[in-house]
Amino acid sequence: MSESKSKEGTETKQEYRARFKDARDRFIAEVESMSEAELEEPVVDQFSAKDLMAHILEWDYSAMYNSRLFLAGEEPDLTPDYDNDLFNGVAVSIWRDKPGSVVLAQLKKSTQEVMDYIDSLTEQELFRDRGVRFIDDTGVKWVVNPSWFLGETEHDIGHAEQIADWKTRRAV
């Protein structure tokens, strides 16, 4: 029996999970090396590393929620007026008064929950095209399946690189 492949047709579920874990581990390694005070300093625009952690962990929960809706045949929240900036602002505000170490612990928890959720899905559930299409604000057309909600590895790597760049600039 052949293994199911990702939306790109090149990745198995285990490869997908490993890619998610590697990207998330890279991000977590960047923030683990920071002090509580450093976690509060702006690293990209006005956002601190703590804000980035909050933003990522809340997107984890949103992704799992929308994926479950999607698999149940319900409409995920992909409306054109869905406001990412508003979502991110709310995510940051939820965690604003918590120490960075608490936010990091919750990020590690959400990361494990995403990995457990991926493990709970069959490859067909994770990758099968459900016939839903979404056009993002750049005009990119996406085939939507649960892997689409969960697999923001480039996003995590991008934030890890932003933090690494901030550390480099700060050291100069």
N, C-alpha and C. Protein backbone atom coordinates (compact mmCIF):
# COMPACT_ATOMS: atom_id res chain seq x y z
N MET A 1 0.85 -1.18 0.00
CA MET A 1 0.00 0.00 0.00
C MET A 1 0.89 1.24 0.00
N SER A 2 0.61 2.19 -0.86
CA SER A 2 1.44 3.40 -0.92
C SER A 2 1.04 4.38 0.16
N GLU A 3 2.02 5.17 0.60
CA GLU A 3 1.75 6.18 1.61
C GLU A 3 1.11 7.39 0.97
N SER A 4 0.24 8.06 1.73
CA SER A 4 -0.33 9.32 1.25
C SER A 4 0.77 10.37 1.25
N LYS A 5 0.60 11.35 0.40
CA LYS A 5 1.57 12.43 0.31
C LYS A 5 0.91 13.75 0.67
N SER A 6 1.74 14.74 0.98
CA SER A 6 1.25 16.07 1.32
C SER A 6 0.64 16.73 0.10
N LYS A 7 0.13 17.95 0.31
CA LYS A 7 -0.49 18.69 -0.79
C LYS A 7 0.49 18.89 -1.94
N GLU A 8 1.78 18.91 -1.65
CA GLU A 8 2.77 19.02 -2.70
C GLU A 8 3.10 17.64 -3.29
N GLY A 9 2.64 16.58 -2.65
CA GLY A 9 2.86 15.23 -3.14
C GLY A 9 4.24 14.68 -2.87
N THR A 10 4.98 15.28 -1.98
CA THR A 10 6.37 14.87 -1.77
C THR A 10 6.67 14.45 -0.35
N GLU A 11 5.73 14.46 0.53
CA GLU A 11 6.02 14.31 1.95
C GLU A 11 5.03 13.34 2.59
N THR A 12 5.54 12.42 3.41
CA THR A 12 4.67 11.55 4.19
C THR A 12 4.29 12.24 5.49
N LYS A 13 3.38 11.63 6.21
CA LYS A 13 2.97 12.18 7.51
C LYS A 13 4.16 12.29 8.45
N GLN A 14 5.00 11.27 8.52
CA GLN A 14 6.15 11.31 9.43
C GLN A 14 7.15 12.38 9.02
N GLU A 15 7.33 12.56 7.71
CA GLU A 15 8.22 13.62 7.24
C GLU A 15 7.64 15.00 7.58
N TYR A 16 6.33 15.11 7.40
CA TYR A 16 5.63 16.35 7.71
C TYR A 16 5.78 16.69 9.20
N ARG A 17 5.55 15.67 10.06
CA ARG A 17 5.67 15.87 11.50
C ARG A 17 7.10 16.26 11.88
N ALA A 18 8.07 15.59 11.27
CA ALA A 18 9.48 15.90 11.57
C ALA A 18 9.82 17.32 11.13
N ARG A 19 9.29 17.75 9.99
CA ARG A 19 9.55 19.11 9.52
C ARG A 19 8.95 20.13 10.48
N PHE A 20 7.73 19.86 10.96
CA PHE A 20 7.11 20.74 11.95
C PHE A 20 7.96 20.79 13.22
N LYS A 21 8.35 19.63 13.72
CA LYS A 21 9.12 19.57 14.96
C LYS A 21 10.47 20.27 14.82
N ASP A 22 11.15 20.05 13.70
CA ASP A 22 12.46 20.70 13.49
C ASP A 22 12.33 22.22 13.48
N ALA A 23 11.33 22.72 12.78
CA ALA A 23 11.13 24.18 12.72
C ALA A 23 10.79 24.73 14.09
N ARG A 24 9.91 24.05 14.80
CA ARG A 24 9.51 24.52 16.12
C ARG A 24 10.67 24.44 17.09
N ASP A 25 11.44 23.35 17.03
CA ASP A 25 12.61 23.23 17.90
C ASP A 25 13.60 24.36 17.65
N ARG A 26 13.74 24.74 16.40
CA ARG A 26 14.65 25.84 16.06
C ARG A 26 14.18 27.14 16.70
N PHE A 27 12.88 27.41 16.62
CA PHE A 27 12.34 28.62 17.25
C PHE A 27 12.52 28.56 18.76
N ILE A 28 12.15 27.43 19.36
CA ILE A 28 12.25 27.30 20.82
C ILE A 28 13.69 27.44 21.28
N ALA A 29 14.64 26.91 20.55
CA ALA A 29 16.05 27.04 20.93
C ALA A 29 16.46 28.51 20.98
N GLU A 30 15.96 29.31 20.06
CA GLU A 30 16.28 30.75 20.07
C GLU A 30 15.75 31.43 21.33
N VAL A 31 14.51 31.13 21.71
CA VAL A 31 13.94 31.83 22.87
C VAL A 31 14.43 31.24 24.19
N GLU A 32 14.77 29.96 24.21
CA GLU A 32 15.28 29.36 25.45
C GLU A 32 16.60 29.98 25.89
N SER A 33 17.35 30.51 24.95
CA SER A 33 18.65 31.08 25.29
C SER A 33 18.55 32.54 25.75
N MET A 34 17.33 33.05 25.87
CA MET A 34 17.13 34.45 26.24
C MET A 34 16.72 34.57 27.71
N SER A 35 17.14 35.66 28.33
CA SER A 35 16.72 35.95 29.71
C SER A 35 15.28 36.47 29.70
N GLU A 36 14.68 36.51 30.88
CA GLU A 36 13.32 37.06 31.00
C GLU A 36 13.28 38.49 30.45
N ALA A 37 14.29 39.29 30.78
CA ALA A 37 14.32 40.68 30.30
C ALA A 37 14.44 40.73 28.78
N GLU A 38 15.28 39.88 28.21
CA GLU A 38 15.43 39.85 26.75
C GLU A 38 14.15 39.42 26.06
N LEU A 39 13.42 38.50 26.67
CA LEU A 39 12.16 38.05 26.08
C LEU A 39 11.15 39.18 25.95
N GLU A 40 11.31 40.23 26.75
CA GLU A 40 10.38 41.37 26.74
C GLU A 40 10.79 42.47 25.76
N GLU A 41 12.01 42.43 25.26
CA GLU A 41 12.50 43.48 24.37
C GLU A 41 11.96 43.29 22.95
N PRO A 42 11.64 44.38 22.26
CA PRO A 42 11.19 44.25 20.86
C PRO A 42 12.29 43.64 19.99
N VAL A 43 11.93 42.61 19.24
CA VAL A 43 12.88 41.97 18.33
C VAL A 43 12.53 42.22 16.87
N VAL A 44 11.26 42.42 16.58
CA VAL A 44 10.80 42.73 15.23
C VAL A 44 9.64 43.71 15.36
N ASP A 45 9.84 44.90 14.80
CA ASP A 45 8.88 45.99 14.98
C ASP A 45 8.66 46.17 16.48
N GLN A 46 7.40 46.17 16.91
CA GLN A 46 7.11 46.36 18.33
C GLN A 46 6.99 45.03 19.08
N PHE A 47 7.16 43.91 18.38
CA PHE A 47 6.92 42.61 18.99
C PHE A 47 8.16 42.04 19.65
N SER A 48 7.98 41.59 20.89
CA SER A 48 9.05 40.93 21.64
C SER A 48 9.06 39.44 21.31
N ALA A 49 10.10 38.76 21.74
CA ALA A 49 10.15 37.30 21.58
C ALA A 49 8.98 36.66 22.33
N LYS A 50 8.62 37.21 23.48
CA LYS A 50 7.47 36.69 24.22
C LYS A 50 6.20 36.86 23.40
N ASP A 51 6.06 38.00 22.73
CA ASP A 51 4.89 38.22 21.87
C ASP A 51 4.87 37.20 20.73
N LEU A 52 6.03 36.93 20.15
CA LEU A 52 6.09 35.95 19.06
C LEU A 52 5.70 34.56 19.55
N MET A 53 6.14 34.21 20.76
CA MET A 53 5.74 32.91 21.33
C MET A 53 4.23 32.86 21.51
N ALA A 54 3.65 33.94 22.06
CA ALA A 54 2.20 33.98 22.28
C ALA A 54 1.45 33.85 20.96
N HIS A 55 1.92 34.56 19.98
CA HIS A 55 1.31 34.54 18.66
C HIS A 55 1.36 33.12 18.07
N ILE A 56 2.50 32.46 18.17
CA ILE A 56 2.63 31.11 17.62
C ILE A 56 1.75 30.12 18.38
N LEU A 57 1.75 30.17 19.70
CA LEU A 57 0.97 29.17 20.44
C LEU A 57 -0.52 29.37 20.24
N GLU A 58 -0.98 30.60 20.14
CA GLU A 58 -2.41 30.81 19.88
C GLU A 58 -2.78 30.36 18.48
N TRP A 59 -1.87 30.53 17.51
CA TRP A 59 -2.13 30.00 16.17
C TRP A 59 -2.15 28.48 16.20
N ASP A 60 -1.35 27.85 17.06
CA ASP A 60 -1.42 26.39 17.19
C ASP A 60 -2.84 25.97 17.55
N TYR A 61 -3.41 26.62 18.56
CA TYR A 61 -4.75 26.25 19.00
C TYR A 61 -5.80 26.56 17.94
N SER A 62 -5.64 27.68 17.25
CA SER A 62 -6.56 28.02 16.17
C SER A 62 -6.46 27.00 15.04
N ALA A 63 -5.24 26.60 14.71
CA ALA A 63 -5.04 25.63 13.63
C ALA A 63 -5.69 24.29 13.97
N MET A 64 -5.50 23.83 15.20
CA MET A 64 -6.12 22.56 15.58
C MET A 64 -7.64 22.68 15.58
N TYR A 65 -8.16 23.79 16.08
CA TYR A 65 -9.61 24.02 16.10
C TYR A 65 -10.16 23.99 14.67
N ASN A 66 -9.55 24.77 13.78
CA ASN A 66 -10.04 24.83 12.41
C ASN A 66 -9.87 23.50 11.69
N SER A 67 -8.80 22.79 11.98
CA SER A 67 -8.59 21.48 11.38
C SER A 67 -9.70 20.52 11.80
N ARG A 68 -10.05 20.55 13.07
CA ARG A 68 -11.12 19.66 13.56
C ARG A 68 -12.45 20.02 12.91
N LEU A 69 -12.74 21.32 12.78
CA LEU A 69 -13.96 21.73 12.07
C LEU A 69 -13.94 21.19 10.65
N PHE A 70 -12.83 21.38 10.00
CA PHE A 70 -12.65 20.98 8.62
C PHE A 70 -12.91 19.49 8.45
N LEU A 71 -12.32 18.67 9.32
CA LEU A 71 -12.49 17.22 9.23
C LEU A 71 -13.92 16.79 9.55
N ALA A 72 -14.62 17.60 10.34
CA ALA A 72 -16.02 17.30 10.67
C ALA A 72 -16.97 17.77 9.58
N GLY A 73 -16.42 18.34 8.51
CA GLY A 73 -17.25 18.81 7.42
C GLY A 73 -17.83 20.19 7.64
N GLU A 74 -17.35 20.87 8.66
CA GLU A 74 -17.83 22.22 8.95
C GLU A 74 -16.91 23.24 8.31
N GLU A 75 -17.38 24.46 8.24
CA GLU A 75 -16.63 25.54 7.61
C GLU A 75 -15.58 26.10 8.56
N PRO A 76 -14.30 26.01 8.20
CA PRO A 76 -13.27 26.67 9.01
C PRO A 76 -13.36 28.17 8.83
N ASP A 77 -12.75 28.91 9.72
CA ASP A 77 -12.80 30.37 9.67
C ASP A 77 -11.77 30.87 8.66
N LEU A 78 -12.18 30.91 7.40
CA LEU A 78 -11.31 31.38 6.32
C LEU A 78 -11.96 32.53 5.56
N THR A 79 -12.80 33.26 6.24
CA THR A 79 -13.50 34.36 5.59
C THR A 79 -12.51 35.41 5.10
N PRO A 80 -12.82 36.09 4.00
CA PRO A 80 -11.90 37.10 3.48
C PRO A 80 -11.60 38.22 4.47
N ASP A 81 -12.53 38.47 5.38
CA ASP A 81 -12.31 39.57 6.32
C ASP A 81 -11.66 39.10 7.62
N TYR A 82 -11.20 37.84 7.66
CA TYR A 82 -10.49 37.34 8.83
C TYR A 82 -9.26 38.21 9.02
N ASP A 83 -9.12 38.77 10.19
CA ASP A 83 -8.09 39.78 10.43
C ASP A 83 -6.94 39.19 11.23
N ASN A 84 -5.85 38.86 10.55
CA ASN A 84 -4.68 38.29 11.22
C ASN A 84 -4.09 39.23 12.25
N ASP A 85 -4.06 40.53 11.93
CA ASP A 85 -3.50 41.50 12.88
C ASP A 85 -4.33 41.54 14.15
N LEU A 86 -5.65 41.48 14.02
CA LEU A 86 -6.52 41.46 15.19
C LEU A 86 -6.26 40.19 16.01
N PHE A 87 -6.20 39.05 15.33
CA PHE A 87 -5.94 37.78 16.01
C PHE A 87 -4.62 37.86 16.77
N ASN A 88 -3.58 38.35 16.10
CA ASN A 88 -2.26 38.44 16.74
C ASN A 88 -2.29 39.40 17.92
N GLY A 89 -3.01 40.52 17.79
CA GLY A 89 -3.12 41.47 18.89
C GLY A 89 -3.79 40.84 20.10
N VAL A 90 -4.85 40.08 19.86
CA VAL A 90 -5.53 39.39 20.96
C VAL A 90 -4.61 38.34 21.57
N ALA A 91 -3.91 37.58 20.73
CA ALA A 91 -2.99 36.55 21.23
C ALA A 91 -1.94 37.16 22.14
N VAL A 92 -1.37 38.27 21.71
CA VAL A 92 -0.34 38.94 22.51
C VAL A 92 -0.93 39.45 23.82
N SER A 93 -2.13 40.02 23.76
CA SER A 93 -2.74 40.59 24.97
C SER A 93 -3.07 39.51 26.00
N ILE A 94 -3.42 38.32 25.55
CA ILE A 94 -3.74 37.22 26.47
C ILE A 94 -2.53 36.89 27.35
N TRP A 95 -1.33 36.98 26.79
CA TRP A 95 -0.11 36.55 27.47
C TRP A 95 0.73 37.71 27.98
N ARG A 96 0.29 38.94 27.76
CA ARG A 96 1.10 40.13 28.06
C ARG A 96 1.61 40.16 29.50
N ASP A 97 0.78 39.83 30.46
CA ASP A 97 1.16 39.95 31.88
C ASP A 97 1.82 38.70 32.45
N LYS A 98 2.04 37.72 31.62
CA LYS A 98 2.68 36.48 32.08
C LYS A 98 4.19 36.57 31.85
N PRO A 99 4.98 35.96 32.73
CA PRO A 99 6.43 35.91 32.48
C PRO A 99 6.73 35.11 31.21
N GLY A 100 7.84 35.45 30.58
CA GLY A 100 8.24 34.74 29.37
C GLY A 100 8.39 33.25 29.59
N SER A 101 8.86 32.87 30.77
CA SER A 101 9.04 31.44 31.06
C SER A 101 7.70 30.69 31.04
N VAL A 102 6.64 31.36 31.46
CA VAL A 102 5.31 30.75 31.45
C VAL A 102 4.81 30.61 30.01
N VAL A 103 5.05 31.65 29.21
CA VAL A 103 4.64 31.61 27.80
C VAL A 103 5.43 30.51 27.07
N LEU A 104 6.71 30.41 27.36
CA LEU A 104 7.54 29.36 26.75
C LEU A 104 7.02 27.98 27.14
N ALA A 105 6.69 27.79 28.39
CA ALA A 105 6.15 26.49 28.83
C ALA A 105 4.85 26.17 28.08
N GLN A 106 4.00 27.17 27.89
CA GLN A 106 2.75 26.95 27.16
C GLN A 106 3.02 26.67 25.68
N LEU A 107 4.02 27.34 25.11
CA LEU A 107 4.39 27.07 23.72
C LEU A 107 4.87 25.63 23.57
N LYS A 108 5.66 25.16 24.51
CA LYS A 108 6.12 23.77 24.46
C LYS A 108 4.92 22.82 24.57
N LYS A 109 3.96 23.18 25.40
CA LYS A 109 2.76 22.36 25.54
C LYS A 109 1.95 22.35 24.24
N SER A 110 1.75 23.52 23.65
CA SER A 110 0.98 23.57 22.40
C SER A 110 1.71 22.83 21.28
N THR A 111 3.02 22.90 21.28
CA THR A 111 3.82 22.18 20.29
C THR A 111 3.58 20.68 20.42
N GLN A 112 3.62 20.17 21.64
CA GLN A 112 3.37 18.74 21.85
C GLN A 112 1.94 18.38 21.46
N GLU A 113 0.99 19.27 21.77
CA GLU A 113 -0.40 19.00 21.40
C GLU A 113 -0.57 18.93 19.88
N VAL A 114 0.11 19.81 19.15
CA VAL A 114 0.05 19.75 17.68
C VAL A 114 0.65 18.43 17.20
N MET A 115 1.79 18.04 17.75
CA MET A 115 2.42 16.79 17.32
C MET A 115 1.52 15.59 17.65
N ASP A 116 0.90 15.61 18.83
CA ASP A 116 -0.03 14.53 19.18
C ASP A 116 -1.23 14.52 18.25
N TYR A 117 -1.71 15.71 17.90
CA TYR A 117 -2.84 15.80 16.98
C TYR A 117 -2.46 15.25 15.60
N ILE A 118 -1.29 15.63 15.10
CA ILE A 118 -0.82 15.09 13.82
C ILE A 118 -0.75 13.57 13.91
N ASP A 119 -0.22 13.05 15.01
CA ASP A 119 -0.12 11.60 15.20
C ASP A 119 -1.49 10.93 15.19
N SER A 120 -2.52 11.64 15.65
CA SER A 120 -3.86 11.06 15.74
C SER A 120 -4.56 10.98 14.38
N LEU A 121 -4.04 11.70 13.40
CA LEU A 121 -4.65 11.71 12.08
C LEU A 121 -4.05 10.63 11.19
N THR A 122 -4.87 10.08 10.32
CA THR A 122 -4.32 9.22 9.29
C THR A 122 -3.68 10.11 8.22
N GLU A 123 -2.86 9.52 7.39
CA GLU A 123 -2.27 10.31 6.31
C GLU A 123 -3.36 10.87 5.40
N GLN A 124 -4.39 10.08 5.16
CA GLN A 124 -5.49 10.56 4.32
C GLN A 124 -6.18 11.76 4.95
N GLU A 125 -6.43 11.70 6.26
CA GLU A 125 -7.04 12.86 6.93
C GLU A 125 -6.15 14.09 6.86
N LEU A 126 -4.86 13.89 7.02
CA LEU A 126 -3.93 15.00 7.05
C LEU A 126 -3.77 15.67 5.69
N PHE A 127 -3.72 14.88 4.62
CA PHE A 127 -3.34 15.43 3.32
C PHE A 127 -4.44 15.49 2.26
N ARG A 128 -5.52 14.75 2.43
CA ARG A 128 -6.51 14.66 1.35
C ARG A 128 -7.12 16.02 1.03
N ASP A 129 -7.20 16.31 -0.23
CA ASP A 129 -7.83 17.54 -0.70
C ASP A 129 -9.32 17.45 -0.40
N ARG A 130 -9.81 18.40 0.37
CA ARG A 130 -11.23 18.43 0.73
C ARG A 130 -12.05 19.31 -0.21
N GLY A 131 -11.41 19.81 -1.25
CA GLY A 131 -12.13 20.62 -2.22
C GLY A 131 -12.36 22.06 -1.79
N VAL A 132 -11.74 22.46 -0.71
CA VAL A 132 -11.88 23.84 -0.24
C VAL A 132 -10.72 24.64 -0.79
N ARG A 133 -11.01 25.81 -1.28
CA ARG A 133 -9.97 26.69 -1.81
C ARG A 133 -9.99 28.00 -1.04
N PHE A 134 -8.82 28.57 -0.87
CA PHE A 134 -8.68 29.83 -0.15
C PHE A 134 -7.67 30.68 -0.89
N ILE A 135 -8.01 31.91 -1.13
CA ILE A 135 -7.08 32.84 -1.77
C ILE A 135 -6.65 33.84 -0.71
N ASP A 136 -5.35 33.87 -0.43
CA ASP A 136 -4.86 34.77 0.60
C ASP A 136 -4.73 36.19 0.06
N ASP A 137 -4.29 37.09 0.91
CA ASP A 137 -4.24 38.50 0.53
C ASP A 137 -3.19 38.80 -0.54
N THR A 138 -2.35 37.83 -0.86
CA THR A 138 -1.39 38.03 -1.95
C THR A 138 -1.89 37.39 -3.25
N GLY A 139 -3.09 36.82 -3.21
CA GLY A 139 -3.66 36.19 -4.39
C GLY A 139 -3.24 34.75 -4.58
N VAL A 140 -2.55 34.17 -3.60
CA VAL A 140 -2.12 32.78 -3.71
C VAL A 140 -3.31 31.87 -3.42
N LYS A 141 -3.52 30.90 -4.28
CA LYS A 141 -4.62 29.96 -4.11
C LYS A 141 -4.09 28.71 -3.41
N TRP A 142 -4.71 28.34 -2.32
CA TRP A 142 -4.28 27.20 -1.52
C TRP A 142 -5.29 26.07 -1.63
N VAL A 143 -4.79 24.85 -1.66
CA VAL A 143 -5.64 23.69 -1.45
C VAL A 143 -5.65 23.48 0.05
N VAL A 144 -6.82 23.44 0.62
CA VAL A 144 -6.90 23.39 2.08
C VAL A 144 -7.19 21.97 2.55
N ASN A 145 -6.33 21.50 3.43
CA ASN A 145 -6.51 20.25 4.16
C ASN A 145 -5.87 20.46 5.53
N PRO A 146 -6.02 19.53 6.46
CA PRO A 146 -5.45 19.78 7.79
C PRO A 146 -3.97 20.12 7.79
N SER A 147 -3.20 19.59 6.86
CA SER A 147 -1.78 19.93 6.84
C SER A 147 -1.59 21.42 6.56
N TRP A 148 -2.51 22.01 5.85
CA TRP A 148 -2.44 23.45 5.56
C TRP A 148 -2.56 24.26 6.84
N PHE A 149 -3.46 23.86 7.73
CA PHE A 149 -3.65 24.58 8.99
C PHE A 149 -2.45 24.42 9.92
N LEU A 150 -1.89 23.24 9.96
CA LEU A 150 -0.90 22.89 10.98
C LEU A 150 0.54 23.16 10.58
N GLY A 151 0.84 23.21 9.31
CA GLY A 151 2.22 23.15 8.87
C GLY A 151 2.89 24.47 8.58
N GLU A 152 2.87 25.38 9.50
CA GLU A 152 3.48 26.69 9.29
C GLU A 152 4.96 26.68 9.63
N THR A 153 5.69 25.74 9.08
CA THR A 153 7.11 25.62 9.44
C THR A 153 7.93 26.81 8.98
N GLU A 154 7.63 27.32 7.79
CA GLU A 154 8.38 28.48 7.29
C GLU A 154 8.16 29.68 8.21
N HIS A 155 6.97 29.78 8.74
CA HIS A 155 6.63 30.86 9.66
C HIS A 155 7.48 30.78 10.93
N ASP A 156 7.57 29.60 11.52
CA ASP A 156 8.38 29.40 12.73
C ASP A 156 9.85 29.69 12.45
N ILE A 157 10.34 29.21 11.32
CA ILE A 157 11.74 29.45 10.95
C ILE A 157 11.98 30.94 10.75
N GLY A 158 11.03 31.62 10.12
CA GLY A 158 11.16 33.06 9.92
C GLY A 158 11.28 33.81 11.23
N HIS A 159 10.46 33.44 12.21
CA HIS A 159 10.55 34.10 13.52
C HIS A 159 11.85 33.72 14.24
N ALA A 160 12.30 32.49 14.09
CA ALA A 160 13.59 32.09 14.69
C ALA A 160 14.71 32.93 14.09
N GLU A 161 14.67 33.14 12.79
CA GLU A 161 15.70 33.96 12.13
C GLU A 161 15.62 35.42 12.57
N GLN A 162 14.41 35.93 12.78
CA GLN A 162 14.27 37.31 13.27
C GLN A 162 14.92 37.46 14.64
N ILE A 163 14.70 36.48 15.50
CA ILE A 163 15.29 36.54 16.84
C ILE A 163 16.81 36.41 16.75
N ALA A 164 17.29 35.49 15.92
CA ALA A 164 18.74 35.34 15.75
C ALA A 164 19.36 36.62 15.22
N ASP A 165 18.70 37.27 14.27
CA ASP A 165 19.20 38.55 13.73
C ASP A 165 19.23 39.61 14.82
N TRP A 166 18.18 39.65 15.64
CA TRP A 166 18.12 40.61 16.74
C TRP A 166 19.29 40.38 17.70
N LYS A 167 19.56 39.12 18.01
CA LYS A 167 20.67 38.80 18.91
C LYS A 167 22.00 39.28 18.31
N THR A 168 22.16 39.09 17.01
CA THR A 168 23.39 39.53 16.34
C THR A 168 23.51 41.05 16.39
N ARG A 169 22.44 41.75 16.06
CA ARG A 169 22.46 43.22 16.10
C ARG A 169 22.74 43.73 17.51
N ARG A 170 22.16 43.07 18.48
CA ARG A 170 22.30 43.47 19.87
C ARG A 170 23.74 43.28 20.36
N ALA A 171 24.40 42.25 19.84
CA ALA A 171 25.77 41.94 20.27
C ALA A 171 26.80 42.90 19.69
N VAL A 172 26.43 43.59 18.62
CA VAL A 172 27.39 44.50 17.96
C VAL A 172 27.55 45.77 18.75
